[in-house]
């Protein structure tokens, strides 16, 4: 075998091993193994408002307040078949009437209160959790990733 072919074969073998190790590390980092059995998962979330004020010389008049509402965390990963409980605390905003698209789930989070949403992750895919208050719809999205 000539030297260039040997180098390419060795490089290819190293690349395959690196991909396998990377895939294992990624699934392990998510707390999942490729064939994880369904389990009960509880995720604690908050409904929060980020707020800031423009200062002198910025793109808006000084004192202009900007704000954005968010779910925290905004990315949730579970396995298909898991029984998921979202425990959501309303930190800011009077209320957040919300849905989990694709699961036909509706719930409302109120400031200063805990809201519990429990369901089985029966469909694989990516599903949006959205607050439907008009001022919040642009920024208040979270994503439920159901693996499997």
C-alpha atoms as a PDB file:
ATOM      1  CA  UNK A   1       0.000   0.000   0.000  1.00  0.00           C
ATOM      2  CA  UNK A   2       1.433   3.378  -0.872  1.00  0.00           C
ATOM      3  CA  UNK A   3       2.029   5.976   1.836  1.00  0.00           C
ATOM      4  CA  UNK A   4      -0.867   8.301   0.751  1.00  0.00           C
ATOM      5  CA  UNK A   5      -3.449   5.487   0.832  1.00  0.00           C
ATOM      6  CA  UNK A   6      -2.252   4.409   4.274  1.00  0.00           C
ATOM      7  CA  UNK A   7      -2.538   7.962   5.558  1.00  0.00           C
ATOM      8  CA  UNK A   8      -6.074   8.295   4.146  1.00  0.00           C
ATOM      9  CA  UNK A   9      -7.164   4.981   5.702  1.00  0.00           C
ATOM     10  CA  UNK A  10      -5.724   6.002   9.081  1.00  0.00           C
ATOM     11  CA  UNK A  11      -7.371   9.439   8.829  1.00  0.00           C
ATOM     12  CA  UNK A  12     -10.710   7.836   7.930  1.00  0.00           C
ATOM     13  CA  UNK A  13     -10.520   5.444  10.886  1.00  0.00           C
ATOM     14  CA  UNK A  14      -9.718   8.303  13.271  1.00  0.00           C
ATOM     15  CA  UNK A  15     -12.647  10.336  11.855  1.00  0.00           C
ATOM     16  CA  UNK A  16     -15.105   7.448  12.354  1.00  0.00           C
ATOM     17  CA  UNK A  17     -13.948   6.906  15.939  1.00  0.00           C
ATOM     18  CA  UNK A  18     -14.186  10.650  16.621  1.00  0.00           C
ATOM     19  CA  UNK A  19     -17.757  10.743  15.293  1.00  0.00           C
ATOM     20  CA  UNK A  20     -18.787   7.779  17.448  1.00  0.00           C
ATOM     21  CA  UNK A  21     -17.176   9.249  20.565  1.00  0.00           C
ATOM     22  CA  UNK A  22     -18.765  12.643  19.827  1.00  0.00           C
ATOM     23  CA  UNK A  23     -22.228  11.125  19.383  1.00  0.00           C
ATOM     24  CA  UNK A  24     -21.889   9.212  22.665  1.00  0.00           C
ATOM     25  CA  UNK A  25     -20.624  12.317  24.483  1.00  0.00           C
ATOM     26  CA  UNK A  26     -23.506  14.418  23.097  1.00  0.00           C
ATOM     27  CA  UNK A  27     -26.190  11.969  24.233  1.00  0.00           C
ATOM     28  CA  UNK A  28     -24.454  11.541  27.586  1.00  0.00           C
ATOM     29  CA  UNK A  29     -24.237  15.328  28.023  1.00  0.00           C
ATOM     30  CA  UNK A  30     -27.996  15.538  27.537  1.00  0.00           C
ATOM     31  CA  UNK A  31     -28.422  12.934  30.266  1.00  0.00           C
ATOM     32  CA  UNK A  32     -29.729  10.413  27.779  1.00  0.00           C
ATOM     33  CA  UNK A  33     -28.476   7.218  26.294  1.00  0.00           C
ATOM     34  CA  UNK A  34     -29.576   6.335  22.761  1.00  0.00           C
ATOM     35  CA  UNK A  35     -32.055   3.719  24.022  1.00  0.00           C
ATOM     36  CA  UNK A  36     -33.092   5.260  27.345  1.00  0.00           C
ATOM     37  CA  UNK A  37     -36.219   3.780  28.887  1.00  0.00           C
ATOM     38  CA  UNK A  38     -39.148   6.158  29.450  1.00  0.00           C
ATOM     39  CA  UNK A  39     -38.956   7.841  32.822  1.00  0.00           C
ATOM     40  CA  UNK A  40     -40.589  10.578  34.888  1.00  0.00           C
ATOM     41  CA  UNK A  41     -38.977  13.968  34.271  1.00  0.00           C
ATOM     42  CA  UNK A  42     -39.644  17.163  36.212  1.00  0.00           C
ATOM     43  CA  UNK A  43     -38.442  20.434  34.714  1.00  0.00           C
ATOM     44  CA  UNK A  44     -38.618  23.648  36.743  1.00  0.00           C
ATOM     45  CA  UNK A  45     -39.204  26.730  34.584  1.00  0.00           C
ATOM     46  CA  UNK A  46     -39.806  30.427  35.152  1.00  0.00           C
ATOM     47  CA  UNK A  47     -41.667  33.121  33.247  1.00  0.00           C
ATOM     48  CA  UNK A  48     -39.320  36.112  33.406  1.00  0.00           C
ATOM     49  CA  UNK A  49     -39.058  39.635  32.023  1.00  0.00           C
ATOM     50  CA  UNK A  50     -35.758  41.125  30.939  1.00  0.00           C
ATOM     51  CA  UNK A  51     -35.842  44.906  31.079  1.00  0.00           C
ATOM     52  CA  UNK A  52     -33.364  47.588  30.163  1.00  0.00           C
ATOM     53  CA  UNK A  53     -33.222  51.358  29.766  1.00  0.00           C
ATOM     54  CA  UNK A  54     -31.454  53.281  27.005  1.00  0.00           C
ATOM     55  CA  UNK A  55     -28.851  55.815  28.075  1.00  0.00           C
ATOM     56  CA  UNK A  56     -27.499  59.061  26.600  1.00  0.00           C
ATOM     57  CA  UNK A  57     -26.325  58.757  23.008  1.00  0.00           C
ATOM     58  CA  UNK A  58     -27.925  55.375  22.311  1.00  0.00           C
ATOM     59  CA  UNK A  59     -30.258  54.571  19.406  1.00  0.00           C
ATOM     60  CA  UNK A  60     -33.424  55.459  21.370  1.00  0.00           C
ATOM     61  CA  UNK A  61     -34.120  58.524  23.553  1.00  0.00           C
ATOM     62  CA  UNK A  62     -32.514  58.278  26.986  1.00  0.00           C
ATOM     63  CA  UNK A  63     -34.876  56.648  29.470  1.00  0.00           C
ATOM     64  CA  UNK A  64     -36.689  54.528  26.851  1.00  0.00           C
ATOM     65  CA  UNK A  65     -37.470  51.161  28.449  1.00  0.00           C
ATOM     66  CA  UNK A  66     -37.206  47.950  26.448  1.00  0.00           C
ATOM     67  CA  UNK A  67     -38.323  44.562  27.686  1.00  0.00           C
ATOM     68  CA  UNK A  68     -38.687  40.980  26.574  1.00  0.00           C
ATOM     69  CA  UNK A  69     -40.458  38.070  28.214  1.00  0.00           C
ATOM     70  CA  UNK A  70     -38.867  34.601  28.150  1.00  0.00           C
ATOM     71  CA  UNK A  71     -39.298  31.061  29.404  1.00  0.00           C
ATOM     72  CA  UNK A  72     -36.301  29.813  31.334  1.00  0.00           C
ATOM     73  CA  UNK A  73     -35.058  27.306  30.366  1.00  0.00           C
ATOM     74  CA  UNK A  74     -36.009  27.837  26.755  1.00  0.00           C
ATOM     75  CA  UNK A  75     -34.857  24.375  25.558  1.00  0.00           C
ATOM     76  CA  UNK A  76     -36.089  21.119  27.072  1.00  0.00           C
ATOM     77  CA  UNK A  77     -34.983  17.657  25.905  1.00  0.00           C
ATOM     78  CA  UNK A  78     -36.903  14.493  26.839  1.00  0.00           C
ATOM     79  CA  UNK A  79     -37.302  11.023  25.379  1.00  0.00           C
ATOM     80  CA  UNK A  80     -40.432   9.798  23.651  1.00  0.00           C
ATOM     81  CA  UNK A  81     -42.550   8.017  26.239  1.00  0.00           C
ATOM     82  CA  UNK A  82     -41.300  10.084  29.194  1.00  0.00           C
ATOM     83  CA  UNK A  83     -43.899  11.394  31.622  1.00  0.00           C
ATOM     84  CA  UNK A  84     -43.029  15.099  31.775  1.00  0.00           C
ATOM     85  CA  UNK A  85     -43.972  17.513  34.523  1.00  0.00           C
ATOM     86  CA  UNK A  86     -43.315  21.204  33.951  1.00  0.00           C
ATOM     87  CA  UNK A  87     -43.351  23.191  37.190  1.00  0.00           C
ATOM     88  CA  UNK A  88     -43.543  26.810  36.065  1.00  0.00           C
ATOM     89  CA  UNK A  89     -43.206  29.811  38.380  1.00  0.00           C
ATOM     90  CA  UNK A  90     -44.479  33.202  37.248  1.00  0.00           C
ATOM     91  CA  UNK A  91     -41.862  35.792  38.165  1.00  0.00           C
ATOM     92  CA  UNK A  92     -42.984  38.686  35.949  1.00  0.00           C
ATOM     93  CA  UNK A  93     -46.090  39.528  33.967  1.00  0.00           C
ATOM     94  CA  UNK A  94     -49.628  39.354  35.294  1.00  0.00           C
ATOM     95  CA  UNK A  95     -50.396  36.112  33.463  1.00  0.00           C
ATOM     96  CA  UNK A  96     -49.174  33.985  30.570  1.00  0.00           C
ATOM     97  CA  UNK A  97     -51.909  31.996  28.767  1.00  0.00           C
ATOM     98  CA  UNK A  98     -49.800  29.436  26.916  1.00  0.00           C
ATOM     99  CA  UNK A  99     -49.817  26.358  24.690  1.00  0.00           C
ATOM    100  CA  UNK A 100     -47.546  23.489  23.802  1.00  0.00           C
ATOM    101  CA  UNK A 101     -48.028  23.226  20.057  1.00  0.00           C
ATOM    102  CA  UNK A 102     -48.520  19.717  18.726  1.00  0.00           C
ATOM    103  CA  UNK A 103     -49.701  18.398  22.083  1.00  0.00           C
ATOM    104  CA  UNK A 104     -52.991  20.293  22.397  1.00  0.00           C
ATOM    105  CA  UNK A 105     -51.981  21.475  25.871  1.00  0.00           C
ATOM    106  CA  UNK A 106     -53.064  24.853  27.261  1.00  0.00           C
ATOM    107  CA  UNK A 107     -52.161  26.373  30.622  1.00  0.00           C
ATOM    108  CA  UNK A 108     -51.876  29.778  32.287  1.00  0.00           C
ATOM    109  CA  UNK A 109     -48.981  30.915  34.466  1.00  0.00           C
ATOM    110  CA  UNK A 110     -49.695  33.740  36.921  1.00  0.00           C
ATOM    111  CA  UNK A 111     -47.218  36.005  38.684  1.00  0.00           C
ATOM    112  CA  UNK A 112     -46.195  34.681  42.102  1.00  0.00           C
ATOM    113  CA  UNK A 113     -47.767  31.260  41.530  1.00  0.00           C
ATOM    114  CA  UNK A 114     -46.641  27.779  40.534  1.00  0.00           C
ATOM    115  CA  UNK A 115     -48.371  26.109  37.589  1.00  0.00           C
ATOM    116  CA  UNK A 116     -47.928  22.368  37.026  1.00  0.00           C
ATOM    117  CA  UNK A 117     -48.351  20.817  33.570  1.00  0.00           C
ATOM    118  CA  UNK A 118     -48.023  17.022  33.277  1.00  0.00           C
ATOM    119  CA  UNK A 119     -48.166  15.003  30.055  1.00  0.00           C
ATOM    120  CA  UNK A 120     -46.633  12.012  28.308  1.00  0.00           C
ATOM    121  CA  UNK A 121     -44.193  12.890  25.523  1.00  0.00           C
ATOM    122  CA  UNK A 122     -45.970  10.631  23.049  1.00  0.00           C
ATOM    123  CA  UNK A 123     -44.769  12.274  19.814  1.00  0.00           C
ATOM    124  CA  UNK A 124     -41.174  12.752  18.707  1.00  0.00           C
ATOM    125  CA  UNK A 125     -40.176  16.108  17.262  1.00  0.00           C
ATOM    126  CA  UNK A 126     -39.767  19.749  18.178  1.00  0.00           C
ATOM    127  CA  UNK A 127     -42.693  21.528  19.805  1.00  0.00           C
ATOM    128  CA  UNK A 128     -43.042  25.200  20.733  1.00  0.00           C
ATOM    129  CA  UNK A 129     -44.188  26.426  24.116  1.00  0.00           C
ATOM    130  CA  UNK A 130     -45.704  29.856  23.439  1.00  0.00           C
ATOM    131  CA  UNK A 131     -47.215  32.604  25.585  1.00  0.00           C
ATOM    132  CA  UNK A 132     -50.188  34.193  23.811  1.00  0.00           C
ATOM    133  CA  UNK A 133     -50.183  37.633  25.465  1.00  0.00           C
ATOM    134  CA  UNK A 134     -49.788  39.938  22.425  1.00  0.00           C
ATOM    135  CA  UNK A 135     -46.807  41.833  23.899  1.00  0.00           C
ATOM    136  CA  UNK A 136     -45.059  38.524  24.699  1.00  0.00           C
ATOM    137  CA  UNK A 137     -45.575  36.481  21.523  1.00  0.00           C
ATOM    138  CA  UNK A 138     -42.453  37.754  19.749  1.00  0.00           C
ATOM    139  CA  UNK A 139     -40.001  36.640  22.448  1.00  0.00           C
ATOM    140  CA  UNK A 140     -41.696  34.223  24.843  1.00  0.00           C
ATOM    141  CA  UNK A 141     -41.040  30.883  23.176  1.00  0.00           C
ATOM    142  CA  UNK A 142     -39.462  27.700  24.513  1.00  0.00           C
ATOM    143  CA  UNK A 143     -38.769  24.491  22.633  1.00  0.00           C
ATOM    144  CA  UNK A 144     -39.588  20.957  23.710  1.00  0.00           C
ATOM    145  CA  UNK A 145     -37.408  18.403  21.900  1.00  0.00           C
ATOM    146  CA  UNK A 146     -38.818  14.883  22.135  1.00  0.00           C
ATOM    147  CA  UNK A 147     -36.165  12.367  21.060  1.00  0.00           C
ATOM    148  CA  UNK A 148     -37.212   9.007  19.741  1.00  0.00           C
END
